[in-house]
Amino acid sequence: MMGMAKYLSKEMKAVGMPIQVIDPTAVALGYLQMMIRAGLTHSRLEYPKLDLREREISCIKRPSS
């Protein structure tokens, strides 16, 4: 999608509708940079840390001890 805004803006200008188009990729990257600089993270209530203990996968049988 990078560069699509420039292309779309040029095409709209060619048909007589000069408008500014915001590149969503650039906006997303800028937003990410802002979040990192501000030290912001996702909610720990909504996305708690994973329990890193060994997990059993139901489709894999463990060898009997």
PDB file of N, CA and C in Angstrom:
ATOM      1  N   MET A   1       0.822  -1.202   0.000  1.00  0.00           N
ATOM      2  CA  MET A   1       0.000   0.000   0.000  1.00  0.00           C
ATOM      3  C   MET A   1       0.861   1.259   0.000  1.00  0.00           C
ATOM      4  N   MET A   2       2.137   1.102   0.288  1.00  0.00           N
ATOM      5  CA  MET A   2       3.023   2.255   0.318  1.00  0.00           C
ATOM      6  C   MET A   2       3.016   2.931  -1.051  1.00  0.00           C
ATOM      7  N   GLY A   3       2.824   4.227  -1.101  1.00  0.00           N
ATOM      8  CA  GLY A   3       2.818   4.959  -2.352  1.00  0.00           C
ATOM      9  C   GLY A   3       1.457   5.047  -3.015  1.00  0.00           C
ATOM     10  N   MET A   4       0.493   4.345  -2.489  1.00  0.00           N
ATOM     11  CA  MET A   4      -0.845   4.338  -3.087  1.00  0.00           C
ATOM     12  C   MET A   4      -1.496   5.714  -2.966  1.00  0.00           C
ATOM     13  N   ALA A   5      -1.239   6.423  -1.891  1.00  0.00           N
ATOM     14  CA  ALA A   5      -1.838   7.739  -1.693  1.00  0.00           C
ATOM     15  C   ALA A   5      -1.365   8.713  -2.765  1.00  0.00           C
ATOM     16  N   LYS A   6      -0.080   8.667  -3.081  1.00  0.00           N
ATOM     17  CA  LYS A   6       0.464   9.559  -4.106  1.00  0.00           C
ATOM     18  C   LYS A   6      -0.180   9.255  -5.463  1.00  0.00           C
ATOM     19  N   TYR A   7      -0.296   7.984  -5.784  1.00  0.00           N
ATOM     20  CA  TYR A   7      -0.913   7.559  -7.047  1.00  0.00           C
ATOM     21  C   TYR A   7      -2.368   8.018  -7.116  1.00  0.00           C
ATOM     22  N   LEU A   8      -3.121   7.768  -6.038  1.00  0.00           N
ATOM     23  CA  LEU A   8      -4.538   8.126  -6.020  1.00  0.00           C
ATOM     24  C   LEU A   8      -4.724   9.635  -6.115  1.00  0.00           C
ATOM     25  N   SER A   9      -3.884  10.392  -5.431  1.00  0.00           N
ATOM     26  CA  SER A   9      -3.959  11.844  -5.481  1.00  0.00           C
ATOM     27  C   SER A   9      -3.713  12.353  -6.899  1.00  0.00           C
ATOM     28  N   LYS A  10      -2.728  11.751  -7.583  1.00  0.00           N
ATOM     29  CA  LYS A  10      -2.419  12.133  -8.962  1.00  0.00           C
ATOM     30  C   LYS A  10      -3.585  11.798  -9.894  1.00  0.00           C
ATOM     31  N   GLU A  11      -4.182  10.623  -9.708  1.00  0.00           N
ATOM     32  CA  GLU A  11      -5.319  10.219 -10.543  1.00  0.00           C
ATOM     33  C   GLU A  11      -6.529  11.133 -10.324  1.00  0.00           C
ATOM     34  N   MET A  12      -6.779  11.504  -9.086  1.00  0.00           N
ATOM     35  CA  MET A  12      -7.906  12.391  -8.786  1.00  0.00           C
ATOM     36  C   MET A  12      -7.678  13.775  -9.389  1.00  0.00           C
ATOM     37  N   LYS A  13      -6.433  14.240  -9.355  1.00  0.00           N
ATOM     38  CA  LYS A  13      -6.104  15.531  -9.954  1.00  0.00           C
ATOM     39  C   LYS A  13      -6.331  15.483 -11.463  1.00  0.00           C
ATOM     40  N   ALA A  14      -6.004  14.351 -12.088  1.00  0.00           N
ATOM     41  CA  ALA A  14      -6.165  14.195 -13.538  1.00  0.00           C
ATOM     42  C   ALA A  14      -7.627  14.271 -13.969  1.00  0.00           C
ATOM     43  N   VAL A  15      -8.543  13.864 -13.102  1.00  0.00           N
ATOM     44  CA  VAL A  15      -9.971  13.923 -13.451  1.00  0.00           C
ATOM     45  C   VAL A  15     -10.642  15.191 -12.918  1.00  0.00           C
ATOM     46  N   GLY A  16      -9.824  16.149 -12.465  1.00  0.00           N
ATOM     47  CA  GLY A  16     -10.361  17.435 -12.032  1.00  0.00           C
ATOM     48  C   GLY A  16     -10.814  17.502 -10.594  1.00  0.00           C
ATOM     49  N   MET A  17     -10.390  16.568  -9.778  1.00  0.00           N
ATOM     50  CA  MET A  17     -10.749  16.569  -8.359  1.00  0.00           C
ATOM     51  C   MET A  17      -9.477  16.508  -7.519  1.00  0.00           C
ATOM     52  N   PRO A  18      -8.727  17.622  -7.450  1.00  0.00           N
ATOM     53  CA  PRO A  18      -7.475  17.600  -6.692  1.00  0.00           C
ATOM     54  C   PRO A  18      -7.734  17.504  -5.183  1.00  0.00           C
ATOM     55  N   ILE A  19      -7.410  16.382  -4.613  1.00  0.00           N
ATOM     56  CA  ILE A  19      -7.590  16.186  -3.170  1.00  0.00           C
ATOM     57  C   ILE A  19      -6.309  15.610  -2.579  1.00  0.00           C
ATOM     58  N   GLN A  20      -6.124  15.829  -1.300  1.00  0.00           N
ATOM     59  CA  GLN A  20      -5.002  15.239  -0.579  1.00  0.00           C
ATOM     60  C   GLN A  20      -5.443  13.875  -0.048  1.00  0.00           C
ATOM     61  N   VAL A  21      -4.589  12.881  -0.219  1.00  0.00           N
ATOM     62  CA  VAL A  21      -4.889  11.537   0.263  1.00  0.00           C
ATOM     63  C   VAL A  21      -3.839  11.166   1.296  1.00  0.00           C
ATOM     64  N   ILE A  22      -4.269  10.691   2.439  1.00  0.00           N
ATOM     65  CA  ILE A  22      -3.350  10.301   3.511  1.00  0.00           C
ATOM     66  C   ILE A  22      -2.927   8.857   3.299  1.00  0.00           C
ATOM     67  N   ASP A  23      -1.618   8.629   3.324  1.00  0.00           N
ATOM     68  CA  ASP A  23      -1.074   7.278   3.150  1.00  0.00           C
ATOM     69  C   ASP A  23      -1.232   6.516   4.472  1.00  0.00           C
ATOM     70  N   PRO A  24      -2.065   5.469   4.517  1.00  0.00           N
ATOM     71  CA  PRO A  24      -2.312   4.762   5.775  1.00  0.00           C
ATOM     72  C   PRO A  24      -1.065   4.099   6.354  1.00  0.00           C
ATOM     73  N   THR A  25      -0.138   3.674   5.505  1.00  0.00           N
ATOM     74  CA  THR A  25       1.085   3.045   6.007  1.00  0.00           C
ATOM     75  C   THR A  25       1.926   4.060   6.764  1.00  0.00           C
ATOM     76  N   ALA A  26       2.086   5.244   6.196  1.00  0.00           N
ATOM     77  CA  ALA A  26       2.864   6.296   6.852  1.00  0.00           C
ATOM     78  C   ALA A  26       2.214   6.717   8.166  1.00  0.00           C
ATOM     79  N   VAL A  27       0.890   6.798   8.183  1.00  0.00           N
ATOM     80  CA  VAL A  27       0.176   7.171   9.405  1.00  0.00           C
ATOM     81  C   VAL A  27       0.384   6.114  10.489  1.00  0.00           C
ATOM     82  N   ALA A  28       0.273   4.841  10.122  1.00  0.00           N
ATOM     83  CA  ALA A  28       0.445   3.755  11.097  1.00  0.00           C
ATOM     84  C   ALA A  28       1.857   3.756  11.670  1.00  0.00           C
ATOM     85  N   LEU A  29       2.855   3.946  10.819  1.00  0.00           N
ATOM     86  CA  LEU A  29       4.240   3.977  11.303  1.00  0.00           C
ATOM     87  C   LEU A  29       4.492   5.188  12.194  1.00  0.00           C
ATOM     88  N   GLY A  30       3.940   6.340  11.823  1.00  0.00           N
ATOM     89  CA  GLY A  30       4.078   7.540  12.647  1.00  0.00           C
ATOM     90  C   GLY A  30       3.414   7.362  14.004  1.00  0.00           C
ATOM     91  N   TYR A  31       2.253   6.727  14.017  1.00  0.00           N
ATOM     92  CA  TYR A  31       1.537   6.472  15.272  1.00  0.00           C
ATOM     93  C   TYR A  31       2.348   5.528  16.159  1.00  0.00           C
ATOM     94  N   LEU A  32       2.931   4.501  15.555  1.00  0.00           N
ATOM     95  CA  LEU A  32       3.759   3.559  16.303  1.00  0.00           C
ATOM     96  C   LEU A  32       4.967   4.264  16.908  1.00  0.00           C
ATOM     97  N   GLN A  33       5.625   5.127  16.132  1.00  0.00           N
ATOM     98  CA  GLN A  33       6.773   5.878  16.644  1.00  0.00           C
ATOM     99  C   GLN A  33       6.362   6.759  17.815  1.00  0.00           C
ATOM    100  N   MET A  34       5.209   7.410  17.707  1.00  0.00           N
ATOM    101  CA  MET A  34       4.721   8.265  18.779  1.00  0.00           C
ATOM    102  C   MET A  34       4.475   7.457  20.056  1.00  0.00           C
ATOM    103  N   MET A  35       3.858   6.282  19.909  1.00  0.00           N
ATOM    104  CA  MET A  35       3.582   5.428  21.071  1.00  0.00           C
ATOM    105  C   MET A  35       4.881   4.995  21.748  1.00  0.00           C
ATOM    106  N   ILE A  36       5.886   4.627  20.953  1.00  0.00           N
ATOM    107  CA  ILE A  36       7.164   4.184  21.507  1.00  0.00           C
ATOM    108  C   ILE A  36       7.860   5.328  22.232  1.00  0.00           C
ATOM    109  N   ARG A  37       7.909   6.508  21.602  1.00  0.00           N
ATOM    110  CA  ARG A  37       8.560   7.670  22.228  1.00  0.00           C
ATOM    111  C   ARG A  37       7.883   8.064  23.532  1.00  0.00           C
ATOM    112  N   ALA A  38       6.562   7.945  23.583  1.00  0.00           N
ATOM    113  CA  ALA A  38       5.810   8.317  24.780  1.00  0.00           C
ATOM    114  C   ALA A  38       5.846   7.226  25.845  1.00  0.00           C
ATOM    115  N   GLY A  39       6.379   6.055  25.490  1.00  0.00           N
ATOM    116  CA  GLY A  39       6.455   4.957  26.456  1.00  0.00           C
ATOM    117  C   GLY A  39       5.112   4.291  26.706  1.00  0.00           C
ATOM    118  N   LEU A  40       4.190   4.414  25.770  1.00  0.00           N
ATOM    119  CA  LEU A  40       2.867   3.821  25.942  1.00  0.00           C
ATOM    120  C   LEU A  40       2.858   2.384  25.443  1.00  0.00           C
ATOM    121  N   THR A  41       2.048   1.557  26.080  1.00  0.00           N
ATOM    122  CA  THR A  41       1.907   0.162  25.677  1.00  0.00           C
ATOM    123  C   THR A  41       0.425  -0.202  25.696  1.00  0.00           C
ATOM    124  N   HIS A  42       0.132  -1.426  25.346  1.00  0.00           N
ATOM    125  CA  HIS A  42      -1.245  -1.897  25.382  1.00  0.00           C
ATOM    126  C   HIS A  42      -1.686  -2.082  26.835  1.00  0.00           C
ATOM    127  N   SER A  43      -2.967  -2.249  27.038  1.00  0.00           N
ATOM    128  CA  SER A  43      -3.527  -2.424  28.371  1.00  0.00           C
ATOM    129  C   SER A  43      -3.123  -3.777  28.951  1.00  0.00           C
ATOM    130  N   ARG A  44      -2.582  -3.771  30.161  1.00  0.00           N
ATOM    131  CA  ARG A  44      -2.213  -5.029  30.816  1.00  0.00           C
ATOM    132  C   ARG A  44      -3.459  -5.772  31.314  1.00  0.00           C
ATOM    133  N   LEU A  45      -4.572  -5.057  31.455  1.00  0.00           N
ATOM    134  CA  LEU A  45      -5.822  -5.728  31.834  1.00  0.00           C
ATOM    135  C   LEU A  45      -6.387  -6.510  30.658  1.00  0.00           C
ATOM    136  N   GLU A  46      -6.364  -5.910  29.491  1.00  0.00           N
ATOM    137  CA  GLU A  46      -6.899  -6.577  28.301  1.00  0.00           C
ATOM    138  C   GLU A  46      -5.936  -7.612  27.740  1.00  0.00           C
ATOM    139  N   TYR A  47      -4.641  -7.338  27.819  1.00  0.00           N
ATOM    140  CA  TYR A  47      -3.626  -8.238  27.270  1.00  0.00           C
ATOM    141  C   TYR A  47      -2.606  -8.574  28.355  1.00  0.00           C
ATOM    142  N   PRO A  48      -2.957  -9.463  29.294  1.00  0.00           N
ATOM    143  CA  PRO A  48      -2.020  -9.796  30.372  1.00  0.00           C
ATOM    144  C   PRO A  48      -0.805 -10.549  29.844  1.00  0.00           C
ATOM    145  N   LYS A  49       0.272 -10.544  30.663  1.00  0.00           N
ATOM    146  CA  LYS A  49       1.479 -11.274  30.274  1.00  0.00           C
ATOM    147  C   LYS A  49       1.163 -12.759  30.162  1.00  0.00           C
ATOM    148  N   LEU A  50       1.820 -13.413  29.230  1.00  0.00           N
ATOM    149  CA  LEU A  50       1.620 -14.847  29.052  1.00  0.00           C
ATOM    150  C   LEU A  50       2.273 -15.623  30.185  1.00  0.00           C
ATOM    151  N   ASP A  51       1.649 -16.706  30.559  1.00  0.00           N
ATOM    152  CA  ASP A  51       2.232 -17.615  31.531  1.00  0.00           C
ATOM    153  C   ASP A  51       3.227 -18.475  30.758  1.00  0.00           C
ATOM    154  N   LEU A  52       4.500 -18.325  31.052  1.00  0.00           N
ATOM    155  CA  LEU A  52       5.529 -18.982  30.255  1.00  0.00           C
ATOM    156  C   LEU A  52       5.861 -20.393  30.731  1.00  0.00           C
ATOM    157  N   ARG A  53       5.058 -20.930  31.647  1.00  0.00           N
ATOM    158  CA  ARG A  53       5.282 -22.317  32.049  1.00  0.00           C
ATOM    159  C   ARG A  53       5.037 -23.231  30.866  1.00  0.00           C
ATOM    160  N   GLU A  54       5.580 -24.418  30.950  1.00  0.00           N
ATOM    161  CA  GLU A  54       5.419 -25.386  29.867  1.00  0.00           C
ATOM    162  C   GLU A  54       3.936 -25.678  29.662  1.00  0.00           C
ATOM    163  N   ARG A  55       3.528 -25.660  28.429  1.00  0.00           N
ATOM    164  CA  ARG A  55       2.126 -25.926  28.111  1.00  0.00           C
ATOM    165  C   ARG A  55       2.013 -27.229  27.354  1.00  0.00           C
ATOM    166  N   GLU A  56       0.923 -27.893  27.564  1.00  0.00           N
ATOM    167  CA  GLU A  56       0.684 -29.148  26.866  1.00  0.00           C
ATOM    168  C   GLU A  56      -0.194 -28.871  25.655  1.00  0.00           C
ATOM    169  N   ILE A  57       0.196 -29.427  24.537  1.00  0.00           N
ATOM    170  CA  ILE A  57      -0.589 -29.281  23.319  1.00  0.00           C
ATOM    171  C   ILE A  57      -1.484 -30.507  23.233  1.00  0.00           C
ATOM    172  N   SER A  58      -2.784 -30.281  23.119  1.00  0.00           N
ATOM    173  CA  SER A  58      -3.745 -31.379  23.219  1.00  0.00           C
ATOM    174  C   SER A  58      -3.573 -32.443  22.133  1.00  0.00           C
ATOM    175  N   CYS A  59      -3.075 -32.096  20.976  1.00  0.00           N
ATOM    176  CA  CYS A  59      -2.963 -33.086  19.904  1.00  0.00           C
ATOM    177  C   CYS A  59      -1.662 -33.890  19.984  1.00  0.00           C
ATOM    178  N   ILE A  60      -0.759 -33.525  20.889  1.00  0.00           N
ATOM    179  CA  ILE A  60       0.506 -34.253  21.038  1.00  0.00           C
ATOM    180  C   ILE A  60       0.462 -35.021  22.354  1.00  0.00           C
ATOM    181  N   LYS A  61       0.646 -36.318  22.276  1.00  0.00           N
ATOM    182  CA  LYS A  61       0.624 -37.139  23.489  1.00  0.00           C
ATOM    183  C   LYS A  61       2.016 -37.154  24.101  1.00  0.00           C
ATOM    184  N   ARG A  62       2.064 -36.945  25.411  1.00  0.00           N
ATOM    185  CA  ARG A  62       3.338 -36.991  26.127  1.00  0.00           C
ATOM    186  C   ARG A  62       3.705 -38.433  26.413  1.00  0.00           C
ATOM    187  N   PRO A  63       4.991 -38.739  26.381  1.00  0.00           N
ATOM    188  CA  PRO A  63       5.401 -40.098  26.741  1.00  0.00           C
ATOM    189  C   PRO A  63       5.120 -40.366  28.221  1.00  0.00           C
ATOM    190  N   SER A  64       4.685 -41.562  28.522  1.00  0.00           N
ATOM    191  CA  SER A  64       4.405 -41.934  29.917  1.00  0.00           C
ATOM    192  C   SER A  64       5.709 -42.077  30.672  1.00  0.00           C
ATOM    193  N   SER A  65       5.729 -41.588  31.923  1.00  0.00           N
ATOM    194  CA  SER A  65       6.950 -41.705  32.727  1.00  0.00           C
ATOM    195  C   SER A  65       6.899 -42.905  33.624  1.00  0.00           C
TER     196      SER A  65
END
